[in-house]
N, C-alpha and C. Protein backbone atom coordinates (compact mmCIF):
# COMPACT_ATOMS: atom_id res chain seq x y z
N MET A 1 34.36 24.46 -16.34
CA MET A 1 33.28 23.41 -16.37
C MET A 1 33.29 22.69 -14.80
N VAL A 2 32.04 22.89 -14.53
CA VAL A 2 31.69 22.51 -13.60
C VAL A 2 31.77 20.84 -13.38
N ASN A 3 32.21 19.63 -12.99
CA ASN A 3 31.70 18.68 -13.17
C ASN A 3 30.90 18.03 -12.14
N ILE A 4 30.06 17.65 -12.69
CA ILE A 4 28.01 17.27 -12.16
C ILE A 4 28.46 16.16 -11.26
N LYS A 5 29.54 15.33 -11.41
CA LYS A 5 29.70 14.11 -11.03
C LYS A 5 30.59 14.41 -9.23
N ASP A 6 30.94 15.72 -9.67
CA ASP A 6 32.22 15.79 -8.55
C ASP A 6 31.19 16.33 -7.69
N LEU A 7 30.68 17.08 -8.19
CA LEU A 7 29.49 18.29 -7.21
C LEU A 7 28.42 17.79 -6.62
N LEU A 8 28.04 16.22 -7.04
CA LEU A 8 26.79 15.68 -6.58
C LEU A 8 27.54 15.32 -5.51
N LYS A 9 29.03 14.40 -5.58
CA LYS A 9 29.66 13.52 -4.43
C LYS A 9 30.30 14.98 -3.04
N ASN A 10 30.21 16.21 -3.65
CA ASN A 10 30.78 16.75 -2.23
C ASN A 10 29.78 17.73 -1.90
N ALA A 11 28.56 17.58 -2.27
CA ALA A 11 27.08 18.05 -1.52
C ALA A 11 26.98 17.58 -0.44
N ASP A 12 26.44 18.35 0.29
CA ASP A 12 25.87 18.53 1.95
C ASP A 12 24.10 17.76 2.39
N TYR A 13 24.32 16.56 1.22
CA TYR A 13 22.82 15.71 1.69
C TYR A 13 22.34 16.45 2.75
N SER A 14 23.06 15.79 4.22
CA SER A 14 22.62 15.96 5.58
C SER A 14 21.57 16.93 5.51
N THR A 15 21.62 18.63 5.07
CA THR A 15 21.39 19.76 5.64
C THR A 15 19.89 19.55 5.43
N TYR A 16 19.89 19.22 3.38
CA TYR A 16 18.83 19.20 3.31
C TYR A 16 17.62 18.15 3.92
N GLU A 17 18.52 16.85 4.23
CA GLU A 17 17.66 15.79 4.82
C GLU A 17 16.95 15.98 5.82
N HIS A 18 17.61 17.03 6.18
CA HIS A 18 17.11 18.15 8.08
C HIS A 18 15.94 18.52 7.75
N LYS A 19 16.11 19.35 6.46
CA LYS A 19 15.45 20.56 6.49
C LYS A 19 14.19 19.41 6.23
N TYR A 20 13.79 18.41 5.04
CA TYR A 20 12.85 18.11 4.11
C TYR A 20 11.54 17.16 5.61
N SER A 21 12.86 17.40 6.00
CA SER A 21 12.50 15.70 7.65
C SER A 21 11.96 16.59 8.58
N VAL A 22 12.42 18.28 8.66
CA VAL A 22 11.03 18.43 9.69
C VAL A 22 10.16 19.38 9.43
N GLN A 23 10.00 19.66 7.47
CA GLN A 23 8.72 19.90 7.12
C GLN A 23 8.00 18.69 6.95
N ILE A 24 8.12 17.87 6.69
CA ILE A 24 7.21 16.68 6.58
C ILE A 24 6.33 16.57 8.26
N ILE A 25 7.46 16.12 9.23
CA ILE A 25 7.30 15.83 10.92
C ILE A 25 6.01 17.36 10.99
N GLU A 26 6.59 19.19 10.51
CA GLU A 26 5.42 19.36 11.33
C GLU A 26 4.11 19.82 9.95
N ARG A 27 3.99 18.85 8.57
CA ARG A 27 3.09 18.89 8.11
C ARG A 27 1.89 17.85 8.38
N ILE A 28 2.86 16.71 9.14
CA ILE A 28 2.71 15.64 9.24
C ILE A 28 0.95 15.91 10.68
N GLN A 29 1.85 16.56 11.60
CA GLN A 29 0.92 17.31 12.52
C GLN A 29 -0.25 18.07 12.25
N GLU A 30 0.15 19.15 11.18
CA GLU A 30 -0.89 19.58 10.97
C GLU A 30 -2.20 19.35 10.22
N LYS A 31 -1.86 17.90 9.13
CA LYS A 31 -2.59 17.21 9.23
C LYS A 31 -3.36 15.99 9.39
N LYS A 32 -2.77 15.36 10.39
CA LYS A 32 -3.11 14.43 11.65
C LYS A 32 -4.74 14.05 11.99
N LEU A 33 -5.38 15.71 12.74
CA LEU A 33 -6.69 15.39 12.42
C LEU A 33 -7.70 14.78 11.38
N GLU A 34 -7.47 15.90 10.32
CA GLU A 34 -8.07 15.54 9.19
C GLU A 34 -7.68 14.11 8.53
N LEU A 35 -6.74 13.35 8.47
CA LEU A 35 -6.24 12.27 8.11
C LEU A 35 -7.49 10.72 8.67
N GLN A 36 -7.04 11.41 10.48
CA GLN A 36 -8.22 10.42 11.15
C GLN A 36 -9.34 10.43 10.93
N LYS A 37 -10.08 11.68 10.92
CA LYS A 37 -11.35 11.68 10.61
C LYS A 37 -11.79 11.28 8.97
N ILE A 38 -10.99 11.21 7.85
CA ILE A 38 -11.40 10.98 6.48
C ILE A 38 -11.18 8.93 6.42
N VAL A 39 -10.12 8.21 7.84
CA VAL A 39 -10.30 7.04 7.75
C VAL A 39 -10.99 6.45 8.39
N ASP A 40 -11.59 7.57 10.04
CA ASP A 40 -12.80 7.05 10.89
C ASP A 40 -13.49 6.83 9.51
N GLU A 41 -14.06 7.74 8.99
CA GLU A 41 -15.32 7.78 7.45
C GLU A 41 -15.47 6.53 6.86
N ILE A 42 -14.49 6.64 6.26
CA ILE A 42 -14.31 4.85 5.40
C ILE A 42 -14.10 4.00 6.56
N GLU A 43 -14.16 4.22 7.37
CA GLU A 43 -14.59 2.67 8.30
C GLU A 43 -15.75 2.88 9.02
N LYS A 44 -16.63 3.65 8.84
CA LYS A 44 -17.94 3.51 9.09
C LYS A 44 -19.00 3.05 8.01
N ILE A 45 -18.52 3.37 7.07
CA ILE A 45 -19.13 2.98 6.10
C ILE A 45 -19.36 1.61 5.77
N ILE A 46 -17.29 1.08 5.91
CA ILE A 46 -17.39 -0.34 5.65
C ILE A 46 -18.31 -0.86 6.76
N ILE A 47 -18.19 -0.60 7.92
CA ILE A 47 -18.72 -1.38 8.43
C ILE A 47 -20.08 -1.62 8.98
N ALA A 48 -20.80 -0.11 8.14
CA ALA A 48 -22.33 -0.34 7.97
C ALA A 48 -22.89 -1.30 6.75
N ASN A 49 -21.76 -1.45 5.89
CA ASN A 49 -21.96 -2.64 4.88
C ASN A 49 -21.76 -3.55 4.78
N ARG A 50 -20.65 -4.30 5.54
CA ARG A 50 -20.16 -5.48 6.22
C ARG A 50 -21.71 -6.13 6.17
N LYS A 51 -22.08 -6.07 6.52
CA LYS A 51 -23.85 -6.85 6.59
C LYS A 51 -23.53 -7.90 5.67
N PHE A 52 -23.82 -7.36 3.99
CA PHE A 52 -24.06 -7.42 3.10
C PHE A 52 -22.87 -8.48 2.05
N LEU A 53 -22.09 -7.74 2.60
CA LEU A 53 -20.28 -8.89 1.68
C LEU A 53 -20.53 -9.99 2.43
N SER A 54 -20.13 -11.33 1.96
CA SER A 54 -19.60 -12.16 1.81
C SER A 54 -18.62 -12.93 1.25
N GLY A 55 -18.59 -13.43 1.79
CA GLY A 55 -16.95 -14.52 2.01
C GLY A 55 -15.46 -13.22 1.67
N ASP A 56 -14.57 -13.92 0.72
CA ASP A 56 -14.10 -13.79 0.43
C ASP A 56 -13.51 -11.76 0.45
N ALA A 57 -14.92 -11.45 -0.04
CA ALA A 57 -14.59 -9.44 0.42
C ALA A 57 -15.14 -9.04 1.08
N ASP A 58 -15.89 -9.46 2.68
CA ASP A 58 -16.10 -9.48 4.09
C ASP A 58 -14.17 -9.84 4.59
N TYR A 59 -14.01 -10.94 4.43
CA TYR A 59 -12.18 -10.77 4.89
C TYR A 59 -10.66 -10.31 4.43
N CYS A 60 -11.48 -9.66 2.93
CA CYS A 60 -9.92 -8.48 3.01
C CYS A 60 -10.65 -7.12 3.40
N LEU A 61 -11.81 -7.19 3.35
CA LEU A 61 -11.95 -5.95 3.84
C LEU A 61 -11.71 -5.37 5.03
N ASN A 62 -11.84 -6.78 6.06
CA ASN A 62 -11.06 -6.75 7.85
C ASN A 62 -9.24 -6.78 7.61
N GLU A 63 -8.90 -6.96 6.38
CA GLU A 63 -7.60 -6.97 6.56
C GLU A 63 -7.37 -5.74 6.54
N ILE A 64 -7.30 -4.82 5.31
CA ILE A 64 -7.86 -4.02 5.05
C ILE A 64 -8.08 -2.99 6.21
N ILE A 65 -8.79 -3.18 6.84
CA ILE A 65 -9.09 -2.37 7.47
C ILE A 65 -8.50 -1.91 9.28
N THR A 66 -7.49 -3.47 9.12
CA THR A 66 -6.93 -3.69 10.44
C THR A 66 -5.30 -3.53 9.98
N GLU A 67 -4.88 -3.15 8.68
CA GLU A 67 -3.80 -2.39 8.85
C GLU A 67 -3.93 -1.23 8.54
N LYS A 68 -5.29 -0.93 7.24
CA LYS A 68 -4.93 0.61 7.72
C LYS A 68 -5.09 1.57 8.80
N LYS A 69 -5.59 0.67 10.41
CA LYS A 69 -5.83 0.44 11.40
C LYS A 69 -4.41 1.06 12.49
N VAL A 70 -3.37 0.10 12.48
CA VAL A 70 -2.46 -0.30 12.98
C VAL A 70 -1.69 0.92 12.21
N ASN A 71 -1.35 1.21 10.60
CA ASN A 71 -0.57 1.97 9.77
C ASN A 71 -0.64 3.87 10.07
N MET A 72 -2.23 4.22 9.95
CA MET A 72 -2.16 5.45 11.22
C MET A 72 -1.87 5.62 11.78
N ASN A 73 -2.58 4.93 12.87
CA ASN A 73 -1.90 5.64 14.42
C ASN A 73 -0.68 5.46 13.72
N ARG A 74 0.55 4.32 13.68
CA ARG A 74 1.63 5.05 14.06
C ARG A 74 1.61 6.25 13.23
N LEU A 75 1.26 6.43 12.03
CA LEU A 75 1.88 7.74 10.96
C LEU A 75 0.80 8.79 11.74
N LEU A 76 0.20 8.94 12.39
CA LEU A 76 -0.46 9.88 13.06
C LEU A 76 -0.14 10.11 15.20
N ASN A 77 0.48 9.21 15.17
CA ASN A 77 1.62 9.21 16.19
C ASN A 77 2.40 9.13 17.38
N VAL A 78 3.13 10.15 15.48
CA VAL A 78 4.89 10.49 15.67
C VAL A 78 4.92 11.42 16.83
N LEU A 79 5.32 10.53 17.08
CA LEU A 79 6.42 11.73 18.49
C LEU A 79 7.10 13.08 18.23
N VAL A 80 7.49 14.00 18.14
CA VAL A 80 7.96 15.33 18.37
C VAL A 80 8.19 15.55 18.98
N GLU A 81 9.09 15.33 20.49
CA GLU A 81 8.90 15.68 21.87
C GLU A 81 10.65 14.48 20.91
N GLY A 82 11.61 15.43 21.85
CA GLY A 82 13.16 14.90 21.44
C GLY A 82 14.02 14.84 20.59
N LEU A 83 13.09 15.59 19.41
CA LEU A 83 13.51 15.45 18.85
C LEU A 83 14.92 16.78 17.86
N ASP A 84 15.97 16.96 18.94
CA ASP A 84 16.75 18.05 18.80
C ASP A 84 17.95 17.52 18.21
N ASP A 85 18.08 16.64 17.55
CA ASP A 85 19.31 16.67 16.95
C ASP A 85 18.71 16.26 15.64
N ALA A 86 19.62 16.42 14.60
CA ALA A 86 19.44 16.43 12.97
C ALA A 86 19.46 14.38 12.31
N PRO A 87 20.39 13.56 13.46
CA PRO A 87 19.91 12.76 12.68
C PRO A 87 18.49 11.97 13.20
N THR A 88 18.23 12.00 14.17
CA THR A 88 17.32 11.83 14.83
C THR A 88 15.48 12.13 13.74
N ILE A 89 15.75 13.67 13.55
CA ILE A 89 14.97 14.16 13.03
C ILE A 89 14.87 13.31 12.19
N ILE A 90 15.99 13.49 10.85
CA ILE A 90 16.06 12.93 9.60
C ILE A 90 15.61 11.09 9.61
N GLU A 91 16.09 10.78 10.93
CA GLU A 91 15.40 8.85 10.88
C GLU A 91 13.74 9.17 11.44
N MET A 92 13.79 9.86 12.13
CA MET A 92 11.18 10.18 11.77
C MET A 92 11.22 10.90 10.77
N GLY A 93 11.57 11.64 9.49
CA GLY A 93 11.13 11.78 8.59
C GLY A 93 11.28 10.79 8.16
N THR A 94 11.99 9.84 7.36
CA THR A 94 12.00 8.41 6.82
C THR A 94 11.23 8.05 7.31
N LYS A 95 10.99 7.61 8.77
CA LYS A 95 9.74 6.48 8.23
C LYS A 95 8.61 7.21 8.31
N ILE A 96 8.10 8.40 8.90
CA ILE A 96 7.12 9.12 8.31
C ILE A 96 6.88 8.87 6.67
N VAL A 97 7.72 8.66 5.35
CA VAL A 97 7.97 8.59 4.95
C VAL A 97 7.51 7.86 4.30
N LYS A 98 7.32 6.93 5.39
CA LYS A 98 7.83 5.41 4.39
C LYS A 98 6.60 4.36 5.01
N MET A 99 5.63 5.70 6.60
CA MET A 99 4.69 4.75 6.36
C MET A 99 3.51 5.66 5.82
N ILE A 100 3.57 7.00 4.92
CA ILE A 100 2.60 7.60 4.57
C ILE A 100 3.16 6.80 2.36
N GLY A 101 3.65 5.60 2.26
CA GLY A 101 3.93 5.24 1.08
C GLY A 101 3.27 3.14 1.75
N VAL A 102 3.25 3.23 3.02
CA VAL A 102 1.90 2.25 3.22
C VAL A 102 0.89 2.57 3.21
N GLN A 103 0.22 3.70 3.83
CA GLN A 103 -1.34 4.20 4.12
C GLN A 103 -1.48 4.55 2.66
N ASN A 104 -0.90 4.62 1.64
CA ASN A 104 -1.49 5.34 -0.14
C ASN A 104 -1.00 3.53 -0.51
N THR A 105 -0.56 1.99 -0.13
CA THR A 105 -0.64 1.69 -0.85
C THR A 105 -2.50 0.69 -0.32
N LEU A 106 -3.01 0.81 1.16
CA LEU A 106 -3.93 0.41 1.88
C LEU A 106 -5.43 0.99 1.20
N PHE A 107 -4.81 2.78 0.62
CA PHE A 107 -6.18 3.45 -0.13
C PHE A 107 -6.10 2.72 -1.56
N THR A 108 -5.03 1.88 -1.98
CA THR A 108 -4.63 1.59 -3.40
C THR A 108 -5.71 -0.16 -3.02
N LYS A 109 -5.12 -0.26 -2.32
CA LYS A 109 -6.14 -1.57 -1.62
C LYS A 109 -7.71 -1.56 -1.63
N LEU A 110 -8.15 -1.07 -0.71
CA LEU A 110 -8.84 -0.09 -0.81
C LEU A 110 -10.48 -0.38 -2.05
N GLN A 111 -9.31 0.53 -3.20
CA GLN A 111 -9.93 0.83 -4.82
C GLN A 111 -9.95 -0.41 -5.08
N LEU A 112 -9.77 -1.03 -5.26
CA LEU A 112 -9.35 -2.70 -6.33
C LEU A 112 -10.44 -3.49 -5.14
N MET A 113 -10.36 -3.22 -4.11
CA MET A 113 -12.08 -4.28 -2.84
C MET A 113 -13.33 -3.81 -3.91
N MET A 114 -13.10 -2.72 -4.04
CA MET A 114 -14.32 -2.01 -4.57
C MET A 114 -15.11 -1.67 -5.63
N THR A 115 -13.98 -2.53 -6.50
CA THR A 115 -14.29 -2.76 -7.97
C THR A 115 -14.71 -4.08 -8.45
N GLN A 116 -14.25 -4.84 -7.27
CA GLN A 116 -15.03 -6.04 -6.92
C GLN A 116 -16.82 -6.45 -7.42
N GLU A 117 -17.14 -7.19 -8.20
CA GLU A 117 -18.86 -6.60 -8.12
C GLU A 117 -19.35 -7.52 -6.36
N SER A 118 -18.75 -8.13 -5.68
CA SER A 118 -19.70 -9.44 -4.41
C SER A 118 -19.68 -6.91 -3.90
N PHE A 119 -18.55 -6.74 -3.94
CA PHE A 119 -18.42 -5.45 -3.33
C PHE A 119 -19.33 -4.03 -3.71
N ILE A 120 -19.46 -4.10 -5.04
CA ILE A 120 -20.25 -3.35 -5.64
C ILE A 120 -22.25 -3.74 -5.71
N CYS A 121 -21.61 -5.01 -5.15
CA CYS A 121 -22.86 -5.49 -5.14
C CYS A 121 -24.15 -5.41 -4.24
N SER A 122 -22.97 -4.81 -2.94
CA SER A 122 -23.57 -5.18 -1.33
C SER A 122 -23.76 -3.90 -0.98
N VAL A 123 -22.88 -2.67 -1.94
CA VAL A 123 -22.52 -1.96 -1.50
C VAL A 123 -23.31 -0.30 -1.92
N THR A 124 -24.46 0.69 -1.10
CA THR A 124 -24.35 1.37 -2.22
C THR A 124 -23.88 1.99 -2.93
N GLN A 125 -24.20 2.71 -4.17
CA GLN A 125 -23.48 4.14 -5.02
C GLN A 125 -23.53 5.47 -4.10
N GLU A 126 -24.35 5.02 -3.60
CA GLU A 126 -24.00 6.36 -2.19
C GLU A 126 -22.51 5.91 -1.22
N HIS A 127 -22.75 5.35 -0.75
CA HIS A 127 -21.36 4.66 -0.24
C HIS A 127 -20.02 5.36 -0.77
N ILE A 128 -20.50 4.01 -2.47
CA ILE A 128 -19.03 3.63 -3.67
C ILE A 128 -18.57 5.27 -3.47
N THR A 129 -19.45 5.81 -3.62
CA THR A 129 -18.96 7.74 -4.64
C THR A 129 -18.19 7.69 -3.23
N THR A 130 -18.64 8.19 -2.19
CA THR A 130 -18.21 8.73 -0.71
C THR A 130 -17.14 8.02 -0.76
N LEU A 131 -16.62 7.24 -0.13
CA LEU A 131 -15.80 6.14 -0.58
C LEU A 131 -14.49 6.40 -1.95
N LYS A 132 -14.84 6.86 -3.21
CA LYS A 132 -14.22 7.10 -3.58
C LYS A 132 -13.20 8.45 -3.31
N TYR A 133 -14.37 9.23 -3.08
CA TYR A 133 -14.08 11.09 -2.54
C TYR A 133 -13.23 10.92 -1.38
N LEU A 134 -13.43 10.19 -0.33
CA LEU A 134 -12.53 10.56 0.52
C LEU A 134 -10.82 9.20 0.24
N ILE A 135 -10.58 8.79 -0.38
CA ILE A 135 -10.34 7.64 -0.90
C ILE A 135 -8.89 8.67 -1.19
N GLU A 136 -9.81 9.69 -2.41
CA GLU A 136 -8.69 10.55 -3.19
C GLU A 136 -8.24 11.72 -1.85
N TYR A 137 -9.17 12.23 -2.06
CA TYR A 137 -8.85 12.96 -0.53
C TYR A 137 -7.72 13.12 0.56
N GLY A 138 -7.86 11.92 1.20
CA GLY A 138 -6.74 11.04 2.07
C GLY A 138 -5.55 10.81 1.03
N ARG A 139 -5.33 10.61 0.23
CA ARG A 139 -4.45 10.79 -1.20
C ARG A 139 -3.97 12.21 -1.36
N SER A 140 -4.70 13.10 -1.71
CA SER A 140 -3.86 14.14 -1.82
C SER A 140 -3.10 14.99 -0.56
N LEU A 141 -3.61 14.90 0.50
CA LEU A 141 -3.68 14.79 2.30
C LEU A 141 -2.05 13.94 2.36
N LEU A 142 -2.20 12.60 2.12
CA LEU A 142 -0.44 12.31 2.71
C LEU A 142 0.49 12.73 1.34
N LEU A 143 -0.25 13.44 -0.09
CA LEU A 143 1.20 14.34 -0.92
C LEU A 143 0.96 14.90 -0.74
N GLU A 144 0.99 15.73 0.29
CA GLU A 144 0.91 16.76 0.71
C GLU A 144 1.97 17.03 1.78
N VAL A 145 1.88 16.14 2.63
CA VAL A 145 2.69 16.23 3.39
C VAL A 145 4.16 15.82 2.91
N VAL A 146 4.34 14.97 1.31
CA VAL A 146 5.76 14.83 1.39
C VAL A 146 6.17 16.05 -0.44
N LYS A 147 5.12 16.26 -0.39
CA LYS A 147 5.28 17.91 -1.17
C LYS A 147 6.49 18.20 -0.97
């Protein structure tokens, strides 16, 4: 009978990690334009409604927008050039997965902001519905990259 622990100890994960990283890099390249459009649309809606927001809600939204922009720029500007050795590809794949996690967290922060009364009272229902859709669509694209 085969001992699972021994099998796992002797498994060569580098091949799997390399293949997975290549897939992630390819997928992020495929999805980057769609993701950028989503982030741009979310930002347009928030900026259009900012004049109606006050105090903490406006400050938090500004913080989320700034973080979202920085992270999304990093994520979408992944350089594929010079990725000819397995360790570099694996490192890049790992970075992309981490940045996707950060972007998902930023979508969650925005969703939480949308539940606050100061946000609900200041933003049109149409924009709230659109934001919800864009956040979910963005998340589904991120999940497609890491699946």
